[in-house]
Amino acid sequence: MQRLFSSPNLIDITQLKDTLERARIACFIRNEISSGLVGEIPLTEGTPELWIQEDNDLAEAMQIKTDWQASPLKVAGGNWVCPDCGVTSEPQFDSCWKCGKSKS
């Protein structure tokens, strides 16, 4: 097991976890619940972390993380329009709710 990513923002951790799981990389979030205890426990003990279960997947996971961090399509962006059917979706969705087309 290897730690891939750490962030006080659980939304970022969850988005990256979902991206890795779509690539069939087994991963899990450590400190998902204890992040609410920061202030009562040391910051380093409560910050959410994303861990890769298989060491063999680390290189691919690191590349996916780099691409994900560089992507302008993270939740910070606005709504997007499906290139196939024209339906508007919120930024946290990677595919169209109506036709299933990927937004990228």
PDB file of N, CA and C in Angstrom:
ATOM      1  N   MET A   1       0.846  -1.183   0.000  1.00  0.00           N
ATOM      2  CA  MET A   1       0.000   0.000   0.000  1.00  0.00           C
ATOM      3  C   MET A   1       0.886   1.240   0.000  1.00  0.00           C
ATOM      4  N   GLN A   2       0.433   2.236  -0.741  1.00  0.00           N
ATOM      5  CA  GLN A   2       1.163   3.495  -0.839  1.00  0.00           C
ATOM      6  C   GLN A   2       0.189   4.663  -0.733  1.00  0.00           C
ATOM      7  N   ARG A   3       0.603   5.702  -0.015  1.00  0.00           N
ATOM      8  CA  ARG A   3      -0.215   6.911   0.040  1.00  0.00           C
ATOM      9  C   ARG A   3       0.008   7.699  -1.245  1.00  0.00           C
ATOM     10  N   LEU A   4      -1.076   8.077  -1.895  1.00  0.00           N
ATOM     11  CA  LEU A   4      -0.992   8.808  -3.158  1.00  0.00           C
ATOM     12  C   LEU A   4      -1.239  10.293  -2.975  1.00  0.00           C
ATOM     13  N   PHE A   5      -2.178  10.655  -2.102  1.00  0.00           N
ATOM     14  CA  PHE A   5      -2.643  12.037  -2.058  1.00  0.00           C
ATOM     15  C   PHE A   5      -3.193  12.336  -0.678  1.00  0.00           C
ATOM     16  N   SER A   6      -2.968  13.552  -0.221  1.00  0.00           N
ATOM     17  CA  SER A   6      -3.490  14.005   1.061  1.00  0.00           C
ATOM     18  C   SER A   6      -4.038  15.411   0.869  1.00  0.00           C
ATOM     19  N   SER A   7      -5.199  15.676   1.449  1.00  0.00           N
ATOM     20  CA  SER A   7      -5.811  16.997   1.311  1.00  0.00           C
ATOM     21  C   SER A   7      -6.821  17.204   2.433  1.00  0.00           C
ATOM     22  N   PRO A   8      -6.901  18.422   2.961  1.00  0.00           N
ATOM     23  CA  PRO A   8      -7.949  18.697   3.947  1.00  0.00           C
ATOM     24  C   PRO A   8      -9.333  18.744   3.302  1.00  0.00           C
ATOM     25  N   ASN A   9      -9.370  18.790   1.971  1.00  0.00           N
ATOM     26  CA  ASN A   9     -10.629  18.863   1.235  1.00  0.00           C
ATOM     27  C   ASN A   9     -11.069  17.450   0.841  1.00  0.00           C
ATOM     28  N   LEU A  10     -12.027  16.908   1.567  1.00  0.00           N
ATOM     29  CA  LEU A  10     -12.499  15.546   1.319  1.00  0.00           C
ATOM     30  C   LEU A  10     -13.141  15.399  -0.060  1.00  0.00           C
ATOM     31  N   ILE A  11     -13.683  16.482  -0.597  1.00  0.00           N
ATOM     32  CA  ILE A  11     -14.281  16.432  -1.937  1.00  0.00           C
ATOM     33  C   ILE A  11     -13.211  16.097  -2.977  1.00  0.00           C
ATOM     34  N   ASP A  12     -12.046  16.739  -2.872  1.00  0.00           N
ATOM     35  CA  ASP A  12     -10.958  16.438  -3.807  1.00  0.00           C
ATOM     36  C   ASP A  12     -10.527  14.978  -3.695  1.00  0.00           C
ATOM     37  N   ILE A  13     -10.385  14.504  -2.469  1.00  0.00           N
ATOM     38  CA  ILE A  13      -9.978  13.112  -2.245  1.00  0.00           C
ATOM     39  C   ILE A  13     -10.991  12.162  -2.888  1.00  0.00           C
ATOM     40  N   THR A  14     -12.268  12.434  -2.677  1.00  0.00           N
ATOM     41  CA  THR A  14     -13.325  11.565  -3.199  1.00  0.00           C
ATOM     42  C   THR A  14     -13.364  11.591  -4.723  1.00  0.00           C
ATOM     43  N   GLN A  15     -13.185  12.768  -5.314  1.00  0.00           N
ATOM     44  CA  GLN A  15     -13.173  12.857  -6.782  1.00  0.00           C
ATOM     45  C   GLN A  15     -12.030  12.045  -7.374  1.00  0.00           C
ATOM     46  N   LEU A  16     -10.844  12.180  -6.788  1.00  0.00           N
ATOM     47  CA  LEU A  16      -9.701  11.429  -7.301  1.00  0.00           C
ATOM     48  C   LEU A  16      -9.907   9.931  -7.094  1.00  0.00           C
ATOM     49  N   LYS A  17     -10.468   9.545  -5.967  1.00  0.00           N
ATOM     50  CA  LYS A  17     -10.767   8.128  -5.708  1.00  0.00           C
ATOM     51  C   LYS A  17     -11.707   7.582  -6.782  1.00  0.00           C
ATOM     52  N   ASP A  18     -12.753   8.327  -7.107  1.00  0.00           N
ATOM     53  CA  ASP A  18     -13.690   7.892  -8.145  1.00  0.00           C
ATOM     54  C   ASP A  18     -12.991   7.749  -9.497  1.00  0.00           C
ATOM     55  N   THR A  19     -12.104   8.687  -9.804  1.00  0.00           N
ATOM     56  CA  THR A  19     -11.362   8.641 -11.065  1.00  0.00           C
ATOM     57  C   THR A  19     -10.473   7.394 -11.121  1.00  0.00           C
ATOM     58  N   LEU A  20      -9.794   7.100 -10.024  1.00  0.00           N
ATOM     59  CA  LEU A  20      -8.934   5.910  -9.975  1.00  0.00           C
ATOM     60  C   LEU A  20      -9.748   4.623 -10.081  1.00  0.00           C
ATOM     61  N   GLU A  21     -10.882   4.587  -9.415  1.00  0.00           N
ATOM     62  CA  GLU A  21     -11.714   3.381  -9.466  1.00  0.00           C
ATOM     63  C   GLU A  21     -12.260   3.131 -10.870  1.00  0.00           C
ATOM     64  N   ARG A  22     -12.533   4.202 -11.621  1.00  0.00           N
ATOM     65  CA  ARG A  22     -12.964   4.020 -13.014  1.00  0.00           C
ATOM     66  C   ARG A  22     -11.852   3.399 -13.854  1.00  0.00           C
ATOM     67  N   ALA A  23     -10.596   3.630 -13.432  1.00  0.00           N
ATOM     68  CA  ALA A  23      -9.441   3.027 -14.115  1.00  0.00           C
ATOM     69  C   ALA A  23      -9.100   1.658 -13.516  1.00  0.00           C
ATOM     70  N   ARG A  24      -9.973   1.155 -12.656  1.00  0.00           N
ATOM     71  CA  ARG A  24      -9.822  -0.149 -12.010  1.00  0.00           C
ATOM     72  C   ARG A  24      -8.596  -0.226 -11.107  1.00  0.00           C
ATOM     73  N   ILE A  25      -8.300   0.880 -10.430  1.00  0.00           N
ATOM     74  CA  ILE A  25      -7.219   0.915  -9.450  1.00  0.00           C
ATOM     75  C   ILE A  25      -7.856   0.886  -8.065  1.00  0.00           C
ATOM     76  N   ALA A  26      -7.543  -0.158  -7.308  1.00  0.00           N
ATOM     77  CA  ALA A  26      -8.108  -0.311  -5.965  1.00  0.00           C
ATOM     78  C   ALA A  26      -7.478   0.713  -5.022  1.00  0.00           C
ATOM     79  N   CYS A  27      -8.325   1.457  -4.336  1.00  0.00           N
ATOM     80  CA  CYS A  27      -7.846   2.495  -3.436  1.00  0.00           C
ATOM     81  C   CYS A  27      -8.855   2.706  -2.312  1.00  0.00           C
ATOM     82  N   PHE A  28      -8.425   3.417  -1.284  1.00  0.00           N
ATOM     83  CA  PHE A  28      -9.325   3.707  -0.173  1.00  0.00           C
ATOM     84  C   PHE A  28      -8.920   5.018   0.486  1.00  0.00           C
ATOM     85  N   ILE A  29      -9.857   5.607   1.219  1.00  0.00           N
ATOM     86  CA  ILE A  29      -9.618   6.863   1.929  1.00  0.00           C
ATOM     87  C   ILE A  29      -9.351   6.540   3.391  1.00  0.00           C
ATOM     88  N   ARG A  30      -8.245   7.040   3.887  1.00  0.00           N
ATOM     89  CA  ARG A  30      -7.913   6.920   5.305  1.00  0.00           C
ATOM     90  C   ARG A  30      -8.189   8.280   5.954  1.00  0.00           C
ATOM     91  N   ASN A  31      -8.664   8.277   7.172  1.00  0.00           N
ATOM     92  CA  ASN A  31      -8.988   9.495   7.938  1.00  0.00           C
ATOM     93  C   ASN A  31     -10.198  10.225   7.376  1.00  0.00           C
ATOM     94  N   GLU A  32     -11.083   9.507   6.719  1.00  0.00           N
ATOM     95  CA  GLU A  32     -12.269  10.132   6.139  1.00  0.00           C
ATOM     96  C   GLU A  32     -13.142  10.765   7.220  1.00  0.00           C
ATOM     97  N   ILE A  33     -13.305  10.092   8.323  1.00  0.00           N
ATOM     98  CA  ILE A  33     -14.158  10.599   9.396  1.00  0.00           C
ATOM     99  C   ILE A  33     -13.365  11.440  10.386  1.00  0.00           C
ATOM    100  N   SER A  34     -12.107  11.096  10.613  1.00  0.00           N
ATOM    101  CA  SER A  34     -11.337  11.822  11.619  1.00  0.00           C
ATOM    102  C   SER A  34     -10.977  13.234  11.203  1.00  0.00           C
ATOM    103  N   SER A  35     -11.233  13.610   9.952  1.00  0.00           N
ATOM    104  CA  SER A  35     -10.960  14.992   9.547  1.00  0.00           C
ATOM    105  C   SER A  35     -11.792  15.971  10.371  1.00  0.00           C
ATOM    106  N   GLY A  36     -12.929  15.530  10.887  1.00  0.00           N
ATOM    107  CA  GLY A  36     -13.755  16.384  11.734  1.00  0.00           C
ATOM    108  C   GLY A  36     -13.164  16.600  13.112  1.00  0.00           C
ATOM    109  N   LEU A  37     -12.138  15.841  13.452  1.00  0.00           N
ATOM    110  CA  LEU A  37     -11.500  15.968  14.757  1.00  0.00           C
ATOM    111  C   LEU A  37     -10.281  16.878  14.741  1.00  0.00           C
ATOM    112  N   VAL A  38      -9.930  17.414  13.566  1.00  0.00           N
ATOM    113  CA  VAL A  38      -8.763  18.288  13.482  1.00  0.00           C
ATOM    114  C   VAL A  38      -8.981  19.455  14.437  1.00  0.00           C
ATOM    115  N   GLY A  39      -7.982  19.715  15.227  1.00  0.00           N
ATOM    116  CA  GLY A  39      -8.074  20.695  16.304  1.00  0.00           C
ATOM    117  C   GLY A  39      -8.062  19.978  17.639  1.00  0.00           C
ATOM    118  N   GLU A  40      -8.675  18.804  17.670  1.00  0.00           N
ATOM    119  CA  GLU A  40      -8.652  17.951  18.855  1.00  0.00           C
ATOM    120  C   GLU A  40      -7.477  16.973  18.768  1.00  0.00           C
ATOM    121  N   ILE A  41      -7.108  16.638  17.535  1.00  0.00           N
ATOM    122  CA  ILE A  41      -5.966  15.762  17.287  1.00  0.00           C
ATOM    123  C   ILE A  41      -5.027  16.512  16.346  1.00  0.00           C
ATOM    124  N   PRO A  42      -3.757  16.108  16.258  1.00  0.00           N
ATOM    125  CA  PRO A  42      -2.834  16.796  15.347  1.00  0.00           C
ATOM    126  C   PRO A  42      -3.335  16.765  13.897  1.00  0.00           C
ATOM    127  N   LEU A  43      -3.079  17.839  13.165  1.00  0.00           N
ATOM    128  CA  LEU A  43      -3.510  17.956  11.773  1.00  0.00           C
ATOM    129  C   LEU A  43      -3.046  16.763  10.945  1.00  0.00           C
ATOM    130  N   THR A  44      -1.816  16.323  11.173  1.00  0.00           N
ATOM    131  CA  THR A  44      -1.276  15.207  10.393  1.00  0.00           C
ATOM    132  C   THR A  44      -1.985  13.894  10.688  1.00  0.00           C
ATOM    133  N   GLU A  45      -2.667  13.801  11.807  1.00  0.00           N
ATOM    134  CA  GLU A  45      -3.393  12.585  12.163  1.00  0.00           C
ATOM    135  C   GLU A  45      -4.816  12.570  11.615  1.00  0.00           C
ATOM    136  N   GLY A  46      -5.332  13.742  11.238  1.00  0.00           N
ATOM    137  CA  GLY A  46      -6.726  13.811  10.823  1.00  0.00           C
ATOM    138  C   GLY A  46      -6.964  14.179   9.378  1.00  0.00           C
ATOM    139  N   THR A  47      -5.914  14.516   8.647  1.00  0.00           N
ATOM    140  CA  THR A  47      -6.078  14.914   7.253  1.00  0.00           C
ATOM    141  C   THR A  47      -6.429  13.700   6.395  1.00  0.00           C
ATOM    142  N   PRO A  48      -7.497  13.788   5.593  1.00  0.00           N
ATOM    143  CA  PRO A  48      -7.851  12.665   4.714  1.00  0.00           C
ATOM    144  C   PRO A  48      -6.720  12.332   3.734  1.00  0.00           C
ATOM    145  N   GLU A  49      -6.516  11.044   3.519  1.00  0.00           N
ATOM    146  CA  GLU A  49      -5.475  10.558   2.623  1.00  0.00           C
ATOM    147  C   GLU A  49      -6.059   9.511   1.684  1.00  0.00           C
ATOM    148  N   LEU A  50      -5.564   9.497   0.470  1.00  0.00           N
ATOM    149  CA  LEU A  50      -5.966   8.484  -0.506  1.00  0.00           C
ATOM    150  C   LEU A  50      -4.812   7.503  -0.673  1.00  0.00           C
ATOM    151  N   TRP A  51      -5.107   6.232  -0.447  1.00  0.00           N
ATOM    152  CA  TRP A  51      -4.100   5.177  -0.506  1.00  0.00           C
ATOM    153  C   TRP A  51      -4.400   4.217  -1.646  1.00  0.00           C
ATOM    154  N   ILE A  52      -3.336   3.777  -2.309  1.00  0.00           N
ATOM    155  CA  ILE A  52      -3.416   2.783  -3.380  1.00  0.00           C
ATOM    156  C   ILE A  52      -3.131   1.419  -2.751  1.00  0.00           C
ATOM    157  N   GLN A  53      -3.986   0.444  -3.001  1.00  0.00           N
ATOM    158  CA  GLN A  53      -3.838  -0.860  -2.352  1.00  0.00           C
ATOM    159  C   GLN A  53      -2.699  -1.696  -2.931  1.00  0.00           C
ATOM    160  N   GLU A  54      -2.513  -1.654  -4.229  1.00  0.00           N
ATOM    161  CA  GLU A  54      -1.484  -2.475  -4.876  1.00  0.00           C
ATOM    162  C   GLU A  54      -0.320  -1.595  -5.321  1.00  0.00           C
ATOM    163  N   ASP A  55       0.887  -1.905  -4.837  1.00  0.00           N
ATOM    164  CA  ASP A  55       2.067  -1.126  -5.212  1.00  0.00           C
ATOM    165  C   ASP A  55       2.272  -1.094  -6.724  1.00  0.00           C
ATOM    166  N   ASN A  56       1.875  -2.147  -7.420  1.00  0.00           N
ATOM    167  CA  ASN A  56       2.035  -2.215  -8.878  1.00  0.00           C
ATOM    168  C   ASN A  56       1.224  -1.140  -9.596  1.00  0.00           C
ATOM    169  N   ASP A  57       0.187  -0.621  -8.956  1.00  0.00           N
ATOM    170  CA  ASP A  57      -0.676   0.390  -9.571  1.00  0.00           C
ATOM    171  C   ASP A  57      -0.202   1.817  -9.318  1.00  0.00           C
ATOM    172  N   LEU A  58       0.857   1.981  -8.522  1.00  0.00           N
ATOM    173  CA  LEU A  58       1.254   3.322  -8.095  1.00  0.00           C
ATOM    174  C   LEU A  58       1.636   4.232  -9.260  1.00  0.00           C
ATOM    175  N   ALA A  59       2.435   3.765 -10.199  1.00  0.00           N
ATOM    176  CA  ALA A  59       2.873   4.617 -11.312  1.00  0.00           C
ATOM    177  C   ALA A  59       1.676   5.104 -12.127  1.00  0.00           C
ATOM    178  N   GLU A  60       0.758   4.203 -12.444  1.00  0.00           N
ATOM    179  CA  GLU A  60      -0.433   4.597 -13.200  1.00  0.00           C
ATOM    180  C   GLU A  60      -1.293   5.560 -12.383  1.00  0.00           C
ATOM    181  N   ALA A  61      -1.419   5.297 -11.092  1.00  0.00           N
ATOM    182  CA  ALA A  61      -2.210   6.171 -10.221  1.00  0.00           C
ATOM    183  C   ALA A  61      -1.602   7.566 -10.136  1.00  0.00           C
ATOM    184  N   MET A  62      -0.277   7.647 -10.090  1.00  0.00           N
ATOM    185  CA  MET A  62       0.386   8.954 -10.043  1.00  0.00           C
ATOM    186  C   MET A  62       0.134   9.737 -11.327  1.00  0.00           C
ATOM    187  N   GLN A  63       0.149   9.054 -12.470  1.00  0.00           N
ATOM    188  CA  GLN A  63      -0.130   9.728 -13.738  1.00  0.00           C
ATOM    189  C   GLN A  63      -1.576  10.205 -13.783  1.00  0.00           C
ATOM    190  N   ILE A  64      -2.495   9.384 -13.322  1.00  0.00           N
ATOM    191  CA  ILE A  64      -3.907   9.775 -13.286  1.00  0.00           C
ATOM    192  C   ILE A  64      -4.092  10.977 -12.370  1.00  0.00           C
ATOM    193  N   LYS A  65      -3.404  10.975 -11.225  1.00  0.00           N
ATOM    194  CA  LYS A  65      -3.487  12.111 -10.293  1.00  0.00           C
ATOM    195  C   LYS A  65      -2.969  13.386 -10.950  1.00  0.00           C
ATOM    196  N   THR A  66      -1.842  13.289 -11.650  1.00  0.00           N
ATOM    197  CA  THR A  66      -1.273  14.458 -12.330  1.00  0.00           C
ATOM    198  C   THR A  66      -2.246  15.003 -13.367  1.00  0.00           C
ATOM    199  N   ASP A  67      -2.832  14.117 -14.162  1.00  0.00           N
ATOM    200  CA  ASP A  67      -3.811  14.535 -15.172  1.00  0.00           C
ATOM    201  C   ASP A  67      -5.048  15.138 -14.517  1.00  0.00           C
ATOM    202  N   TRP A  68      -5.502  14.532 -13.433  1.00  0.00           N
ATOM    203  CA  TRP A  68      -6.690  15.009 -12.714  1.00  0.00           C
ATOM    204  C   TRP A  68      -6.451  16.406 -12.153  1.00  0.00           C
ATOM    205  N   GLN A  69      -5.257  16.631 -11.569  1.00  0.00           N
ATOM    206  CA  GLN A  69      -4.951  17.939 -10.996  1.00  0.00           C
ATOM    207  C   GLN A  69      -4.862  19.017 -12.072  1.00  0.00           C
ATOM    208  N   ALA A  70      -4.444  18.640 -13.271  1.00  0.00           N
ATOM    209  CA  ALA A  70      -4.312  19.605 -14.362  1.00  0.00           C
ATOM    210  C   ALA A  70      -5.624  19.846 -15.094  1.00  0.00           C
ATOM    211  N   SER A  71      -6.616  19.007 -14.843  1.00  0.00           N
ATOM    212  CA  SER A  71      -7.881  19.083 -15.573  1.00  0.00           C
ATOM    213  C   SER A  71      -8.689  20.313 -15.191  1.00  0.00           C
ATOM    214  N   PRO A  72      -9.144  21.065 -16.180  1.00  0.00           N
ATOM    215  CA  PRO A  72     -10.012  22.211 -15.886  1.00  0.00           C
ATOM    216  C   PRO A  72     -11.443  21.770 -15.588  1.00  0.00           C
ATOM    217  N   LEU A  73     -11.718  20.467 -15.680  1.00  0.00           N
ATOM    218  CA  LEU A  73     -13.085  19.972 -15.533  1.00  0.00           C
ATOM    219  C   LEU A  73     -13.416  19.542 -14.113  1.00  0.00           C
ATOM    220  N   LYS A  74     -12.559  19.863 -13.144  1.00  0.00           N
ATOM    221  CA  LYS A  74     -12.868  19.521 -11.766  1.00  0.00           C
ATOM    222  C   LYS A  74     -14.084  20.320 -11.317  1.00  0.00           C
ATOM    223  N   VAL A  75     -14.609  20.014 -10.154  1.00  0.00           N
ATOM    224  CA  VAL A  75     -15.842  20.636  -9.665  1.00  0.00           C
ATOM    225  C   VAL A  75     -15.778  22.155  -9.647  1.00  0.00           C
ATOM    226  N   ALA A  76     -14.595  22.727  -9.547  1.00  0.00           N
ATOM    227  CA  ALA A  76     -14.482  24.175  -9.503  1.00  0.00           C
ATOM    228  C   ALA A  76     -15.064  24.831 -10.758  1.00  0.00           C
ATOM    229  N   GLY A  77     -15.151  24.078 -11.849  1.00  0.00           N
ATOM    230  CA  GLY A  77     -15.688  24.619 -13.089  1.00  0.00           C
ATOM    231  C   GLY A  77     -17.195  24.771 -13.041  1.00  0.00           C
ATOM    232  N   GLY A  78     -17.738  25.253 -14.115  1.00  0.00           N
ATOM    233  CA  GLY A  78     -19.177  25.447 -14.178  1.00  0.00           C
ATOM    234  C   GLY A  78     -19.881  24.283 -14.850  1.00  0.00           C
ATOM    235  N   ASN A  79     -21.152  24.462 -15.081  1.00  0.00           N
ATOM    236  CA  ASN A  79     -21.940  23.450 -15.777  1.00  0.00           C
ATOM    237  C   ASN A  79     -21.362  23.210 -17.165  1.00  0.00           C
ATOM    238  N   TRP A  80     -21.618  22.034 -17.712  1.00  0.00           N
ATOM    239  CA  TRP A  80     -21.133  21.709 -19.053  1.00  0.00           C
ATOM    240  C   TRP A  80     -22.276  21.131 -19.871  1.00  0.00           C
ATOM    241  N   VAL A  81     -22.138  21.257 -21.181  1.00  0.00           N
ATOM    242  CA  VAL A  81     -23.178  20.807 -22.109  1.00  0.00           C
ATOM    243  C   VAL A  81     -22.684  19.562 -22.829  1.00  0.00           C
ATOM    244  N   CYS A  82     -23.508  18.526 -22.845  1.00  0.00           N
ATOM    245  CA  CYS A  82     -23.165  17.272 -23.507  1.00  0.00           C
ATOM    246  C   CYS A  82     -22.966  17.516 -25.004  1.00  0.00           C
ATOM    247  N   PRO A  83     -21.833  17.047 -25.559  1.00  0.00           N
ATOM    248  CA  PRO A  83     -21.585  17.244 -26.984  1.00  0.00           C
ATOM    249  C   PRO A  83     -22.517  16.430 -27.886  1.00  0.00           C
ATOM    250  N   ASP A  84     -23.159  15.389 -27.344  1.00  0.00           N
ATOM    251  CA  ASP A  84     -24.042  14.550 -28.157  1.00  0.00           C
ATOM    252  C   ASP A  84     -25.496  14.999 -28.136  1.00  0.00           C
ATOM    253  N   CYS A  85     -26.044  15.192 -26.925  1.00  0.00           N
ATOM    254  CA  CYS A  85     -27.484  15.467 -26.846  1.00  0.00           C
ATOM    255  C   CYS A  85     -27.823  16.886 -26.406  1.00  0.00           C
ATOM    256  N   GLY A  86     -26.818  17.675 -25.984  1.00  0.00           N
ATOM    257  CA  GLY A  86     -27.053  19.067 -25.638  1.00  0.00           C
ATOM    258  C   GLY A  86     -27.614  19.316 -24.248  1.00  0.00           C
ATOM    259  N   VAL A  87     -27.722  18.284 -23.418  1.00  0.00           N
ATOM    260  CA  VAL A  87     -28.242  18.441 -22.060  1.00  0.00           C
ATOM    261  C   VAL A  87     -27.163  19.054 -21.164  1.00  0.00           C
ATOM    262  N   THR A  88     -27.556  19.944 -20.265  1.00  0.00           N
ATOM    263  CA  THR A  88     -26.635  20.578 -19.328  1.00  0.00           C
ATOM    264  C   THR A  88     -26.509  19.726 -18.069  1.00  0.00           C
ATOM    265  N   SER A  89     -25.261  19.552 -17.605  1.00  0.00           N
ATOM    266  CA  SER A  89     -24.987  18.795 -16.381  1.00  0.00           C
ATOM    267  C   SER A  89     -24.111  19.625 -15.454  1.00  0.00           C
ATOM    268  N   GLU A  90     -24.177  19.340 -14.170  1.00  0.00           N
ATOM    269  CA  GLU A  90     -23.348  20.027 -13.188  1.00  0.00           C
ATOM    270  C   GLU A  90     -21.908  19.528 -13.285  1.00  0.00           C
ATOM    271  N   PRO A  91     -20.932  20.334 -12.816  1.00  0.00           N
ATOM    272  CA  PRO A  91     -19.519  20.024 -13.035  1.00  0.00           C
ATOM    273  C   PRO A  91     -19.008  18.757 -12.364  1.00  0.00           C
ATOM    274  N   GLN A  92     -19.655  18.296 -11.304  1.00  0.00           N
ATOM    275  CA  GLN A  92     -19.152  17.106 -10.621  1.00  0.00           C
ATOM    276  C   GLN A  92     -19.429  15.814 -11.376  1.00  0.00           C
ATOM    277  N   PHE A  93     -20.262  15.878 -12.417  1.00  0.00           N
ATOM    278  CA  PHE A  93     -20.593  14.685 -13.188  1.00  0.00           C
ATOM    279  C   PHE A  93     -19.665  14.549 -14.389  1.00  0.00           C
ATOM    280  N   ASP A  94     -19.137  13.337 -14.585  1.00  0.00           N
ATOM    281  CA  ASP A  94     -18.205  13.069 -15.682  1.00  0.00           C
ATOM    282  C   ASP A  94     -18.893  12.596 -16.944  1.00  0.00           C
ATOM    283  N   SER A  95     -20.163  12.225 -16.823  1.00  0.00           N
ATOM    284  CA  SER A  95     -20.891  11.773 -18.002  1.00  0.00           C
ATOM    285  C   SER A  95     -22.314  12.321 -17.968  1.00  0.00           C
ATOM    286  N   CYS A  96     -22.900  12.391 -19.132  1.00  0.00           N
ATOM    287  CA  CYS A  96     -24.248  12.935 -19.292  1.00  0.00           C
ATOM    288  C   CYS A  96     -25.269  12.022 -18.621  1.00  0.00           C
ATOM    289  N   TRP A  97     -26.177  12.615 -17.872  1.00  0.00           N
ATOM    290  CA  TRP A  97     -27.204  11.821 -17.183  1.00  0.00           C
ATOM    291  C   TRP A  97     -28.218  11.243 -18.163  1.00  0.00           C
ATOM    292  N   LYS A  98     -28.367  11.873 -19.325  1.00  0.00           N
ATOM    293  CA  LYS A  98     -29.381  11.432 -20.285  1.00  0.00           C
ATOM    294  C   LYS A  98     -28.862  10.348 -21.238  1.00  0.00           C
ATOM    295  N   CYS A  99     -27.692  10.597 -21.847  1.00  0.00           N
ATOM    296  CA  CYS A  99     -27.213   9.658 -22.871  1.00  0.00           C
ATOM    297  C   CYS A  99     -25.956   8.886 -22.463  1.00  0.00           C
ATOM    298  N   GLY A 100     -25.307   9.290 -21.366  1.00  0.00           N
ATOM    299  CA  GLY A 100     -24.134   8.573 -20.884  1.00  0.00           C
ATOM    300  C   GLY A 100     -22.816   8.991 -21.507  1.00  0.00           C
ATOM    301  N   LYS A 101     -22.827   9.949 -22.427  1.00  0.00           N
ATOM    302  CA  LYS A 101     -21.604  10.411 -23.094  1.00  0.00           C
ATOM    303  C   LYS A 101     -20.673  11.082 -22.086  1.00  0.00           C
ATOM    304  N   SER A 102     -19.378  10.777 -22.168  1.00  0.00           N
ATOM    305  CA  SER A 102     -18.381  11.389 -21.296  1.00  0.00           C
ATOM    306  C   SER A 102     -18.198  12.855 -21.666  1.00  0.00           C
ATOM    307  N   LYS A 103     -17.939  13.696 -20.669  1.00  0.00           N
ATOM    308  CA  LYS A 103     -17.788  15.122 -20.955  1.00  0.00           C
ATOM    309  C   LYS A 103     -16.425  15.459 -21.551  1.00  0.00           C
ATOM    310  N   SER A 104     -15.460  14.536 -21.507  1.00  0.00           N
ATOM    311  CA  SER A 104     -14.140  14.864 -22.042  1.00  0.00           C
ATOM    312  C   SER A 104     -13.944  14.485 -23.467  1.00  0.00           C
TER     313      SER A 104
END
